[in-house]
């Protein structure tokens, strides 16, 4: 899968949810994880994060929304159940993205929502656990941007084989002066 992604939380209060999200992020190949104004004790995160994700994946801790720093070109994607949010199955994931989820008993702050390039919702009847929501988003990203064999048409059938990747010819940049250099002088008869 090309590009990279990170995932984080704003105002999370339960260390077990943070640990579960960080472990899932590690398993899905996140490039970084982050917290904004967390309300939990980091020592308790290890009870749910048995992969010890912060030792393998960079963890960035921000005290406030205004402190949030992302890599150049990285799109901030808020995951929030709002009426105007894009439904996850219809969302085209950016190649470079940082997904952010809100606290357990609340929403992303209005200030953070203003900073988001996109706001996406998981089409559920009501809010679900923050770590579960993060895992669904990461799975959807993997399915949308990864390369996988086609699903079989019938239940119980063997998956269709993954087609071999075929690389195209190298892309060449157009030189605006190339046409002038290619012109051959016309010889005028005497």
N, C-alpha and C. Protein backbone atom coordinates (compact mmCIF):
# COMPACT_ATOMS: atom_id res chain seq x y z
N UNK A 1 0.85 -1.17 0.00
CA UNK A 1 0.00 0.00 0.00
C UNK A 1 0.90 1.24 0.00
N UNK A 2 0.61 2.15 -0.91
CA UNK A 2 1.41 3.37 -0.99
C UNK A 2 0.95 4.39 0.05
N UNK A 3 1.81 5.33 0.34
CA UNK A 3 1.49 6.39 1.28
C UNK A 3 1.73 5.95 2.72
N UNK A 4 1.16 6.71 3.63
CA UNK A 4 1.29 6.40 5.05
C UNK A 4 0.06 6.92 5.78
N UNK A 5 -0.12 6.46 7.01
CA UNK A 5 -1.19 7.00 7.84
C UNK A 5 -0.80 6.94 9.30
N UNK A 6 -1.43 7.81 10.04
CA UNK A 6 -1.32 7.81 11.48
C UNK A 6 -2.72 7.86 12.05
N UNK A 7 -2.86 7.52 13.31
CA UNK A 7 -4.18 7.57 13.94
C UNK A 7 -4.01 8.03 15.37
N UNK A 8 -4.96 8.84 15.83
CA UNK A 8 -4.86 9.37 17.18
C UNK A 8 -6.21 9.71 17.76
N UNK A 9 -6.16 10.23 18.98
CA UNK A 9 -7.37 10.52 19.73
C UNK A 9 -7.26 11.89 20.40
N UNK A 10 -8.42 12.50 20.59
CA UNK A 10 -8.48 13.76 21.32
C UNK A 10 -9.28 13.54 22.59
N UNK A 11 -8.71 13.92 23.74
CA UNK A 11 -9.43 13.91 25.00
C UNK A 11 -9.83 12.54 25.52
N UNK A 12 -9.18 11.50 25.09
CA UNK A 12 -9.54 10.14 25.53
C UNK A 12 -9.28 10.00 27.03
N UNK A 13 -10.18 9.28 27.72
CA UNK A 13 -10.03 9.16 29.17
C UNK A 13 -9.75 7.74 29.65
N UNK A 14 -9.97 6.75 28.80
CA UNK A 14 -9.80 5.37 29.24
C UNK A 14 -8.53 4.76 28.64
N UNK A 15 -7.58 4.39 29.48
CA UNK A 15 -6.32 3.85 28.96
C UNK A 15 -6.48 2.54 28.20
N UNK A 16 -7.50 1.75 28.55
CA UNK A 16 -7.70 0.48 27.83
C UNK A 16 -8.11 0.74 26.38
N UNK A 17 -8.91 1.78 26.15
CA UNK A 17 -9.28 2.13 24.78
C UNK A 17 -8.06 2.61 24.00
N UNK A 18 -7.22 3.41 24.65
CA UNK A 18 -5.99 3.87 23.99
C UNK A 18 -5.09 2.69 23.64
N UNK A 19 -4.92 1.78 24.59
CA UNK A 19 -4.08 0.61 24.35
C UNK A 19 -4.60 -0.26 23.22
N UNK A 20 -5.91 -0.46 23.19
CA UNK A 20 -6.53 -1.26 22.13
C UNK A 20 -6.34 -0.58 20.78
N UNK A 21 -6.55 0.74 20.71
CA UNK A 21 -6.38 1.47 19.46
C UNK A 21 -4.92 1.43 19.00
N UNK A 22 -3.99 1.64 19.92
CA UNK A 22 -2.57 1.63 19.56
C UNK A 22 -2.13 0.25 19.07
N UNK A 23 -2.62 -0.79 19.71
CA UNK A 23 -2.28 -2.16 19.27
C UNK A 23 -2.82 -2.41 17.87
N UNK A 24 -4.06 -2.00 17.61
CA UNK A 24 -4.63 -2.16 16.27
C UNK A 24 -3.86 -1.35 15.25
N UNK A 25 -3.47 -0.13 15.61
CA UNK A 25 -2.68 0.71 14.70
C UNK A 25 -1.37 0.03 14.34
N UNK A 26 -0.73 -0.56 15.32
CA UNK A 26 0.52 -1.29 15.09
C UNK A 26 0.27 -2.45 14.13
N UNK A 27 -0.81 -3.20 14.36
CA UNK A 27 -1.12 -4.36 13.52
C UNK A 27 -1.45 -3.96 12.08
N UNK A 28 -2.11 -2.82 11.89
CA UNK A 28 -2.49 -2.37 10.55
C UNK A 28 -1.36 -1.59 9.86
N UNK A 29 -0.24 -1.41 10.52
CA UNK A 29 0.90 -0.77 9.87
C UNK A 29 0.91 0.74 9.91
N UNK A 30 0.34 1.33 10.95
CA UNK A 30 0.36 2.79 11.08
C UNK A 30 1.80 3.29 11.14
N UNK A 31 2.02 4.46 10.58
CA UNK A 31 3.35 5.08 10.61
C UNK A 31 3.57 5.86 11.89
N UNK A 32 2.49 6.30 12.52
CA UNK A 32 2.59 7.00 13.80
C UNK A 32 1.24 6.97 14.50
N UNK A 33 1.27 7.18 15.81
CA UNK A 33 0.07 7.30 16.62
C UNK A 33 0.20 8.59 17.42
N UNK A 34 -0.93 9.15 17.83
CA UNK A 34 -0.83 10.41 18.57
C UNK A 34 -2.01 10.59 19.52
N UNK A 35 -1.80 11.45 20.52
CA UNK A 35 -2.85 11.84 21.44
C UNK A 35 -2.88 13.36 21.52
N UNK A 36 -4.08 13.89 21.72
CA UNK A 36 -4.26 15.32 21.96
C UNK A 36 -5.00 15.45 23.28
N UNK A 37 -4.38 16.11 24.24
CA UNK A 37 -4.98 16.35 25.57
C UNK A 37 -5.58 15.09 26.17
N UNK A 38 -4.79 14.02 26.31
CA UNK A 38 -5.34 12.78 26.90
C UNK A 38 -5.66 12.97 28.38
N UNK A 39 -6.60 12.19 28.86
CA UNK A 39 -7.03 12.26 30.26
C UNK A 39 -6.78 10.92 30.95
N UNK A 40 -5.73 10.21 30.57
CA UNK A 40 -5.48 8.89 31.16
C UNK A 40 -4.01 8.75 31.54
N UNK A 41 -3.75 7.72 32.33
CA UNK A 41 -2.40 7.41 32.80
C UNK A 41 -1.76 6.46 31.78
N UNK A 42 -0.69 6.91 31.14
CA UNK A 42 -0.03 6.11 30.11
C UNK A 42 0.46 4.75 30.63
N UNK A 43 0.75 4.65 31.91
CA UNK A 43 1.24 3.36 32.44
C UNK A 43 0.19 2.27 32.33
N UNK A 44 -1.10 2.65 32.34
CA UNK A 44 -2.17 1.65 32.28
C UNK A 44 -2.49 1.22 30.85
N UNK A 45 -1.96 1.93 29.86
CA UNK A 45 -2.21 1.59 28.45
C UNK A 45 -1.68 0.20 28.13
N UNK A 46 -0.58 -0.18 28.75
CA UNK A 46 0.07 -1.47 28.46
C UNK A 46 -0.80 -2.67 28.78
N UNK A 47 -1.84 -2.49 29.61
CA UNK A 47 -2.73 -3.61 29.92
C UNK A 47 -3.49 -4.08 28.69
N UNK A 48 -3.78 -3.15 27.78
CA UNK A 48 -4.51 -3.52 26.55
C UNK A 48 -3.60 -3.60 25.34
N UNK A 49 -2.47 -2.90 25.38
CA UNK A 49 -1.55 -2.89 24.24
C UNK A 49 -0.44 -3.90 24.48
N UNK A 50 -0.74 -5.17 24.22
CA UNK A 50 0.24 -6.23 24.45
C UNK A 50 1.34 -6.25 23.39
N UNK A 51 1.19 -5.46 22.32
CA UNK A 51 2.26 -5.39 21.31
C UNK A 51 3.24 -4.28 21.64
N UNK A 52 2.96 -3.50 22.68
CA UNK A 52 3.80 -2.37 23.08
C UNK A 52 4.06 -1.43 21.90
N UNK A 53 2.98 -1.01 21.26
CA UNK A 53 3.03 -0.20 20.04
C UNK A 53 3.95 1.01 20.14
N UNK A 54 3.95 1.81 21.21
CA UNK A 54 4.83 2.98 21.24
C UNK A 54 6.33 2.66 21.17
N UNK A 55 6.69 1.40 21.37
CA UNK A 55 8.11 1.02 21.19
C UNK A 55 8.42 0.71 19.74
N UNK A 56 7.36 0.50 18.93
CA UNK A 56 7.53 0.13 17.52
C UNK A 56 7.04 1.21 16.56
N UNK A 57 6.08 2.00 17.02
CA UNK A 57 5.45 3.04 16.19
C UNK A 57 5.60 4.36 16.95
N UNK A 58 6.09 5.41 16.28
CA UNK A 58 6.26 6.69 16.99
C UNK A 58 4.95 7.20 17.59
N UNK A 59 5.00 7.57 18.87
CA UNK A 59 3.86 8.14 19.58
C UNK A 59 4.14 9.62 19.78
N UNK A 60 3.23 10.47 19.26
CA UNK A 60 3.36 11.91 19.42
C UNK A 60 2.28 12.36 20.40
N UNK A 61 2.69 13.11 21.42
CA UNK A 61 1.76 13.58 22.44
C UNK A 61 1.64 15.09 22.34
N UNK A 62 0.40 15.57 22.19
CA UNK A 62 0.14 17.01 22.08
C UNK A 62 -0.75 17.44 23.24
N UNK A 63 -0.39 18.54 23.88
CA UNK A 63 -1.16 19.02 25.03
C UNK A 63 -2.48 19.66 24.63
N UNK A 64 -2.54 20.23 23.43
CA UNK A 64 -3.75 20.92 22.98
C UNK A 64 -3.86 20.81 21.46
N UNK A 65 -5.05 21.10 20.94
CA UNK A 65 -5.29 21.03 19.50
C UNK A 65 -4.32 21.93 18.74
N UNK A 66 -4.06 23.12 19.27
CA UNK A 66 -3.15 24.06 18.58
C UNK A 66 -1.71 23.56 18.53
N UNK A 67 -1.37 22.57 19.33
CA UNK A 67 -0.01 22.00 19.31
C UNK A 67 0.15 20.91 18.26
N UNK A 68 -0.96 20.44 17.69
CA UNK A 68 -0.91 19.34 16.72
C UNK A 68 -0.04 19.70 15.53
N UNK A 69 0.90 18.84 15.23
CA UNK A 69 1.79 19.02 14.07
C UNK A 69 1.78 17.73 13.27
N UNK A 70 1.52 17.86 11.96
CA UNK A 70 1.50 16.70 11.07
C UNK A 70 2.53 16.90 9.97
N UNK A 71 2.96 15.81 9.35
CA UNK A 71 3.91 15.94 8.24
C UNK A 71 3.31 16.77 7.10
N UNK A 72 4.17 17.39 6.34
CA UNK A 72 3.74 18.18 5.19
C UNK A 72 2.96 17.30 4.22
N UNK A 73 1.81 17.77 3.76
CA UNK A 73 0.98 17.02 2.82
C UNK A 73 0.04 16.03 3.46
N UNK A 74 0.12 15.85 4.77
CA UNK A 74 -0.73 14.91 5.48
C UNK A 74 -2.11 15.53 5.70
N UNK A 75 -3.17 14.82 5.34
CA UNK A 75 -4.54 15.29 5.49
C UNK A 75 -5.09 14.81 6.83
N UNK A 76 -5.73 15.72 7.55
CA UNK A 76 -6.35 15.38 8.83
C UNK A 76 -7.79 14.95 8.57
N UNK A 77 -8.13 13.74 9.01
CA UNK A 77 -9.45 13.16 8.78
C UNK A 77 -10.11 12.91 10.14
N UNK A 78 -11.15 13.66 10.44
CA UNK A 78 -11.89 13.47 11.68
C UNK A 78 -12.90 12.35 11.51
N UNK A 79 -12.99 11.50 12.50
CA UNK A 79 -13.98 10.42 12.50
C UNK A 79 -15.05 10.81 13.51
N UNK A 80 -16.22 11.19 13.00
CA UNK A 80 -17.26 11.73 13.86
C UNK A 80 -18.63 11.44 13.25
N UNK A 81 -19.58 11.09 14.09
CA UNK A 81 -20.94 10.77 13.64
C UNK A 81 -21.74 12.07 13.58
N UNK A 82 -21.61 12.79 12.44
CA UNK A 82 -22.37 14.02 12.22
C UNK A 82 -23.18 13.88 10.94
N UNK A 83 -24.19 14.70 10.80
CA UNK A 83 -25.07 14.63 9.62
C UNK A 83 -24.34 14.96 8.32
N UNK A 84 -23.40 15.89 8.37
CA UNK A 84 -22.73 16.32 7.14
C UNK A 84 -21.43 15.56 6.84
N UNK A 85 -21.08 14.59 7.65
CA UNK A 85 -19.86 13.81 7.42
C UNK A 85 -20.05 12.86 6.24
N UNK A 86 -18.95 12.55 5.56
CA UNK A 86 -18.95 11.59 4.45
C UNK A 86 -19.04 10.18 5.03
N UNK A 87 -19.87 9.35 4.47
CA UNK A 87 -20.00 7.97 4.93
C UNK A 87 -18.74 7.18 4.56
N UNK A 88 -18.18 6.44 5.48
CA UNK A 88 -16.93 5.73 5.27
C UNK A 88 -16.90 4.87 4.01
N UNK A 89 -17.95 4.10 3.67
CA UNK A 89 -17.89 3.30 2.44
C UNK A 89 -17.77 4.13 1.16
N UNK A 90 -18.10 5.42 1.23
CA UNK A 90 -18.02 6.30 0.06
C UNK A 90 -16.80 7.21 0.09
N UNK A 91 -15.97 7.09 1.10
CA UNK A 91 -14.84 7.99 1.29
C UNK A 91 -13.60 7.49 0.56
N UNK A 92 -12.94 8.39 -0.17
CA UNK A 92 -11.68 8.07 -0.83
C UNK A 92 -10.55 8.48 0.12
N UNK A 93 -9.85 7.52 0.68
CA UNK A 93 -8.80 7.80 1.65
C UNK A 93 -7.63 8.53 0.99
N UNK A 94 -7.14 9.60 1.61
CA UNK A 94 -5.95 10.26 1.09
C UNK A 94 -4.73 9.35 1.21
N UNK A 95 -3.76 9.53 0.34
CA UNK A 95 -2.56 8.70 0.39
C UNK A 95 -1.78 8.96 1.69
N UNK A 96 -1.73 10.22 2.12
CA UNK A 96 -1.10 10.58 3.40
C UNK A 96 -2.20 11.11 4.31
N UNK A 97 -2.48 10.39 5.39
CA UNK A 97 -3.60 10.77 6.25
C UNK A 97 -3.29 10.56 7.72
N UNK A 98 -3.91 11.42 8.54
CA UNK A 98 -3.91 11.24 9.99
C UNK A 98 -5.37 11.23 10.41
N UNK A 99 -5.82 10.11 10.96
CA UNK A 99 -7.20 9.96 11.40
C UNK A 99 -7.26 10.29 12.89
N UNK A 100 -8.29 11.05 13.28
CA UNK A 100 -8.43 11.42 14.68
C UNK A 100 -9.84 11.11 15.15
N UNK A 101 -9.92 10.50 16.34
CA UNK A 101 -11.19 10.12 16.95
C UNK A 101 -11.35 10.89 18.26
N UNK A 102 -12.60 11.08 18.67
CA UNK A 102 -12.89 11.84 19.87
C UNK A 102 -12.95 10.99 21.13
N UNK A 103 -13.29 11.63 22.24
CA UNK A 103 -13.35 10.92 23.52
C UNK A 103 -14.55 9.98 23.60
N UNK A 104 -14.52 9.11 24.60
CA UNK A 104 -15.54 8.09 24.76
C UNK A 104 -16.95 8.66 24.92
N UNK A 105 -17.09 9.67 25.71
CA UNK A 105 -18.43 10.22 25.98
C UNK A 105 -18.53 11.65 25.46
N UNK A 106 -18.09 11.84 24.23
CA UNK A 106 -18.14 13.17 23.67
C UNK A 106 -17.82 13.14 22.19
N UNK A 107 -17.51 14.28 21.66
CA UNK A 107 -17.22 14.43 20.24
C UNK A 107 -15.89 15.14 20.07
N UNK A 108 -15.42 15.15 18.84
CA UNK A 108 -14.24 15.96 18.55
C UNK A 108 -14.59 17.41 18.84
N UNK A 109 -13.63 18.16 19.34
CA UNK A 109 -13.89 19.56 19.66
C UNK A 109 -14.18 20.35 18.39
N UNK A 110 -15.00 21.39 18.48
CA UNK A 110 -15.28 22.22 17.31
C UNK A 110 -14.00 22.77 16.68
N UNK A 111 -13.04 23.14 17.50
CA UNK A 111 -11.77 23.67 16.97
C UNK A 111 -11.04 22.62 16.13
N UNK A 112 -11.00 21.39 16.61
CA UNK A 112 -10.33 20.32 15.86
C UNK A 112 -11.11 20.01 14.58
N UNK A 113 -12.43 20.00 14.64
CA UNK A 113 -13.24 19.75 13.44
C UNK A 113 -12.97 20.81 12.37
N UNK A 114 -12.74 22.06 12.77
CA UNK A 114 -12.40 23.12 11.82
C UNK A 114 -11.09 22.84 11.11
N UNK A 115 -10.16 22.19 11.79
CA UNK A 115 -8.85 21.90 11.21
C UNK A 115 -8.86 20.69 10.29
N UNK A 116 -9.89 19.88 10.39
CA UNK A 116 -9.96 18.65 9.59
C UNK A 116 -10.17 18.96 8.11
N UNK A 117 -9.43 18.25 7.27
CA UNK A 117 -9.63 18.36 5.83
C UNK A 117 -10.91 17.62 5.43
N UNK A 118 -11.21 16.55 6.15
CA UNK A 118 -12.40 15.74 5.89
C UNK A 118 -12.97 15.27 7.22
N UNK A 119 -14.29 15.09 7.25
CA UNK A 119 -14.94 14.47 8.41
C UNK A 119 -15.71 13.27 7.86
N UNK A 120 -15.46 12.13 8.46
CA UNK A 120 -16.01 10.86 7.98
C UNK A 120 -16.79 10.20 9.11
N UNK A 121 -17.89 9.54 8.74
CA UNK A 121 -18.66 8.81 9.75
C UNK A 121 -18.77 7.34 9.35
N UNK A 122 -18.78 6.50 10.35
CA UNK A 122 -19.03 5.09 10.15
C UNK A 122 -20.55 4.93 10.19
N UNK A 123 -21.16 4.35 9.17
CA UNK A 123 -22.63 4.31 9.11
C UNK A 123 -23.23 3.31 10.10
N UNK A 124 -23.29 3.74 11.35
CA UNK A 124 -23.90 2.94 12.41
C UNK A 124 -25.10 3.69 12.98
N UNK A 125 -25.96 3.00 13.68
CA UNK A 125 -27.16 3.62 14.25
C UNK A 125 -26.80 4.56 15.41
N UNK A 126 -25.69 4.28 16.09
CA UNK A 126 -25.24 5.12 17.20
C UNK A 126 -23.73 4.96 17.33
N UNK A 127 -23.13 5.77 18.19
CA UNK A 127 -21.68 5.75 18.37
C UNK A 127 -21.21 4.39 18.89
N UNK A 128 -20.03 3.99 18.44
CA UNK A 128 -19.42 2.74 18.91
C UNK A 128 -18.13 3.06 19.64
N UNK A 129 -17.57 2.06 20.27
CA UNK A 129 -16.33 2.20 21.02
C UNK A 129 -15.24 2.83 20.15
N UNK A 130 -14.48 3.75 20.73
CA UNK A 130 -13.47 4.50 19.97
C UNK A 130 -12.40 3.59 19.37
N UNK A 131 -11.95 2.58 20.09
CA UNK A 131 -10.93 1.67 19.56
C UNK A 131 -11.51 0.82 18.43
N UNK A 132 -12.75 0.42 18.56
CA UNK A 132 -13.42 -0.35 17.50
C UNK A 132 -13.58 0.52 16.26
N UNK A 133 -14.00 1.76 16.44
CA UNK A 133 -14.16 2.68 15.31
C UNK A 133 -12.82 2.89 14.60
N UNK A 134 -11.75 3.04 15.35
CA UNK A 134 -10.43 3.20 14.74
C UNK A 134 -10.03 1.98 13.93
N UNK A 135 -10.30 0.79 14.46
CA UNK A 135 -9.96 -0.45 13.74
C UNK A 135 -10.77 -0.55 12.44
N UNK A 136 -12.04 -0.15 12.48
CA UNK A 136 -12.87 -0.19 11.26
C UNK A 136 -12.31 0.75 10.20
N UNK A 137 -11.92 1.94 10.61
CA UNK A 137 -11.35 2.92 9.66
C UNK A 137 -10.05 2.39 9.06
N UNK A 138 -9.19 1.81 9.88
CA UNK A 138 -7.92 1.28 9.36
C UNK A 138 -8.15 0.10 8.43
N UNK A 139 -9.11 -0.75 8.75
CA UNK A 139 -9.44 -1.87 7.87
C UNK A 139 -9.97 -1.36 6.54
N UNK A 140 -10.84 -0.36 6.59
CA UNK A 140 -11.39 0.21 5.36
C UNK A 140 -10.28 0.82 4.51
N UNK A 141 -9.33 1.48 5.13
CA UNK A 141 -8.20 2.04 4.40
C UNK A 141 -7.41 0.93 3.71
N UNK A 142 -7.14 -0.14 4.44
CA UNK A 142 -6.39 -1.26 3.88
C UNK A 142 -7.13 -1.86 2.68
N UNK A 143 -8.44 -2.01 2.80
CA UNK A 143 -9.23 -2.58 1.71
C UNK A 143 -9.29 -1.64 0.51
N UNK A 144 -9.36 -0.34 0.77
CA UNK A 144 -9.48 0.64 -0.32
C UNK A 144 -8.16 0.88 -1.04
N UNK A 145 -7.06 0.92 -0.31
CA UNK A 145 -5.78 1.29 -0.91
C UNK A 145 -4.82 0.11 -1.09
N UNK A 146 -5.13 -1.01 -0.48
CA UNK A 146 -4.26 -2.18 -0.60
C UNK A 146 -4.55 -2.96 -1.87
N UNK A 147 -3.74 -3.94 -2.13
CA UNK A 147 -3.92 -4.80 -3.31
C UNK A 147 -4.30 -6.17 -2.81
N UNK A 148 -5.52 -6.62 -3.12
CA UNK A 148 -6.05 -7.88 -2.63
C UNK A 148 -6.72 -8.65 -3.76
N UNK A 149 -6.77 -9.94 -3.63
CA UNK A 149 -7.48 -10.77 -4.61
C UNK A 149 -8.97 -10.46 -4.55
N UNK A 150 -9.64 -10.64 -5.69
CA UNK A 150 -11.09 -10.43 -5.76
C UNK A 150 -11.81 -11.45 -4.89
N UNK A 151 -12.92 -11.05 -4.32
CA UNK A 151 -13.74 -11.98 -3.55
C UNK A 151 -14.46 -12.91 -4.52
N UNK A 152 -14.69 -14.16 -4.13
CA UNK A 152 -15.44 -15.06 -5.00
C UNK A 152 -16.91 -14.62 -5.11
N UNK A 153 -17.55 -14.99 -6.19
CA UNK A 153 -18.95 -14.61 -6.39
C UNK A 153 -19.90 -15.44 -5.53
N UNK A 154 -19.53 -16.69 -5.26
CA UNK A 154 -20.41 -17.58 -4.52
C UNK A 154 -19.87 -17.84 -3.11
N UNK A 155 -20.76 -18.02 -2.20
CA UNK A 155 -20.41 -18.37 -0.83
C UNK A 155 -19.63 -19.68 -0.83
N UNK A 156 -18.54 -19.72 -0.10
CA UNK A 156 -17.75 -20.94 0.03
C UNK A 156 -16.80 -21.21 -1.13
N UNK A 157 -16.87 -20.41 -2.18
CA UNK A 157 -15.98 -20.63 -3.33
C UNK A 157 -14.57 -20.16 -2.99
N UNK A 158 -13.62 -20.67 -3.74
CA UNK A 158 -12.23 -20.26 -3.56
C UNK A 158 -12.06 -18.81 -4.01
N UNK A 159 -11.25 -18.03 -3.30
CA UNK A 159 -10.99 -16.66 -3.76
C UNK A 159 -10.34 -16.67 -5.14
N UNK A 160 -10.66 -15.67 -5.91
CA UNK A 160 -10.05 -15.54 -7.23
C UNK A 160 -8.58 -15.19 -7.04
N UNK A 161 -7.70 -15.69 -7.89
CA UNK A 161 -6.28 -15.38 -7.71
C UNK A 161 -6.00 -13.90 -7.94
N UNK A 162 -5.02 -13.41 -7.21
CA UNK A 162 -4.58 -12.03 -7.38
C UNK A 162 -3.89 -11.90 -8.72
N UNK A 163 -4.32 -10.96 -9.51
CA UNK A 163 -3.69 -10.78 -10.82
C UNK A 163 -2.30 -10.18 -10.64
N UNK A 164 -1.41 -10.56 -11.53
CA UNK A 164 -0.04 -10.08 -11.46
C UNK A 164 -0.01 -8.59 -11.80
N UNK A 165 0.76 -7.85 -11.03
CA UNK A 165 0.89 -6.41 -11.28
C UNK A 165 1.70 -6.19 -12.55
N UNK A 166 1.21 -5.34 -13.40
CA UNK A 166 1.91 -5.01 -14.63
C UNK A 166 2.31 -3.55 -14.56
N UNK A 167 3.58 -3.31 -14.65
CA UNK A 167 4.08 -1.94 -14.62
C UNK A 167 4.02 -1.34 -16.01
N UNK A 168 3.63 -0.12 -16.10
CA UNK A 168 3.60 0.58 -17.38
C UNK A 168 4.98 1.08 -17.76
N UNK A 169 5.05 1.69 -18.90
CA UNK A 169 6.31 2.27 -19.37
C UNK A 169 6.68 3.43 -18.46
N UNK A 170 7.96 3.75 -18.41
CA UNK A 170 8.37 4.89 -17.58
C UNK A 170 7.69 6.17 -18.06
N UNK A 171 7.36 7.00 -17.14
CA UNK A 171 6.75 8.29 -17.48
C UNK A 171 7.86 9.28 -17.76
N UNK A 172 7.71 9.98 -18.84
CA UNK A 172 8.71 10.97 -19.20
C UNK A 172 8.08 12.36 -19.10
N UNK A 173 8.87 13.28 -18.63
CA UNK A 173 8.40 14.66 -18.53
C UNK A 173 8.45 15.32 -19.90
N UNK A 174 7.47 16.11 -20.16
CA UNK A 174 7.42 16.83 -21.44
C UNK A 174 8.37 18.02 -21.36
N UNK A 175 9.14 18.15 -22.40
CA UNK A 175 10.05 19.29 -22.53
C UNK A 175 9.40 20.26 -23.51
N UNK A 176 9.07 21.48 -23.05
CA UNK A 176 8.38 22.41 -23.95
C UNK A 176 9.21 22.80 -25.17
N UNK A 177 10.52 22.64 -25.10
CA UNK A 177 11.39 23.02 -26.23
C UNK A 177 11.75 21.82 -27.11
N UNK A 178 11.26 20.64 -26.77
CA UNK A 178 11.64 19.44 -27.52
C UNK A 178 11.19 19.52 -28.98
N UNK A 179 10.00 20.02 -29.24
CA UNK A 179 9.50 20.10 -30.61
C UNK A 179 10.39 20.98 -31.47
N UNK A 180 10.86 22.09 -30.94
CA UNK A 180 11.73 22.99 -31.70
C UNK A 180 13.06 22.33 -32.02
N UNK A 181 13.58 21.53 -31.08
CA UNK A 181 14.87 20.86 -31.32
C UNK A 181 14.73 19.73 -32.32
N UNK A 182 13.53 19.13 -32.39
CA UNK A 182 13.33 18.02 -33.32
C UNK A 182 13.14 18.48 -34.76
N UNK A 183 12.83 19.73 -34.96
CA UNK A 183 12.57 20.21 -36.31
C UNK A 183 13.87 20.16 -37.12
N UNK A 184 13.74 19.56 -38.28
CA UNK A 184 14.88 19.45 -39.19
C UNK A 184 14.80 20.62 -40.17
N UNK A 185 15.91 21.30 -40.39
CA UNK A 185 15.84 22.42 -41.33
C UNK A 185 15.49 21.91 -42.73
N UNK A 186 14.65 22.64 -43.39
CA UNK A 186 14.22 22.30 -44.73
C UNK A 186 15.23 22.87 -45.72
N UNK A 187 15.66 22.00 -46.61
CA UNK A 187 16.64 22.45 -47.62
C UNK A 187 15.88 23.01 -48.82
N UNK A 188 16.17 24.19 -49.13
CA UNK A 188 15.52 24.86 -50.26
C UNK A 188 16.39 24.62 -51.50
N UNK A 189 15.79 24.09 -52.60
CA UNK A 189 16.59 23.85 -53.80
C UNK A 189 17.13 25.15 -54.40
N UNK A 190 18.30 25.09 -55.04
CA UNK A 190 18.95 26.26 -55.65
C UNK A 190 18.26 26.71 -56.88
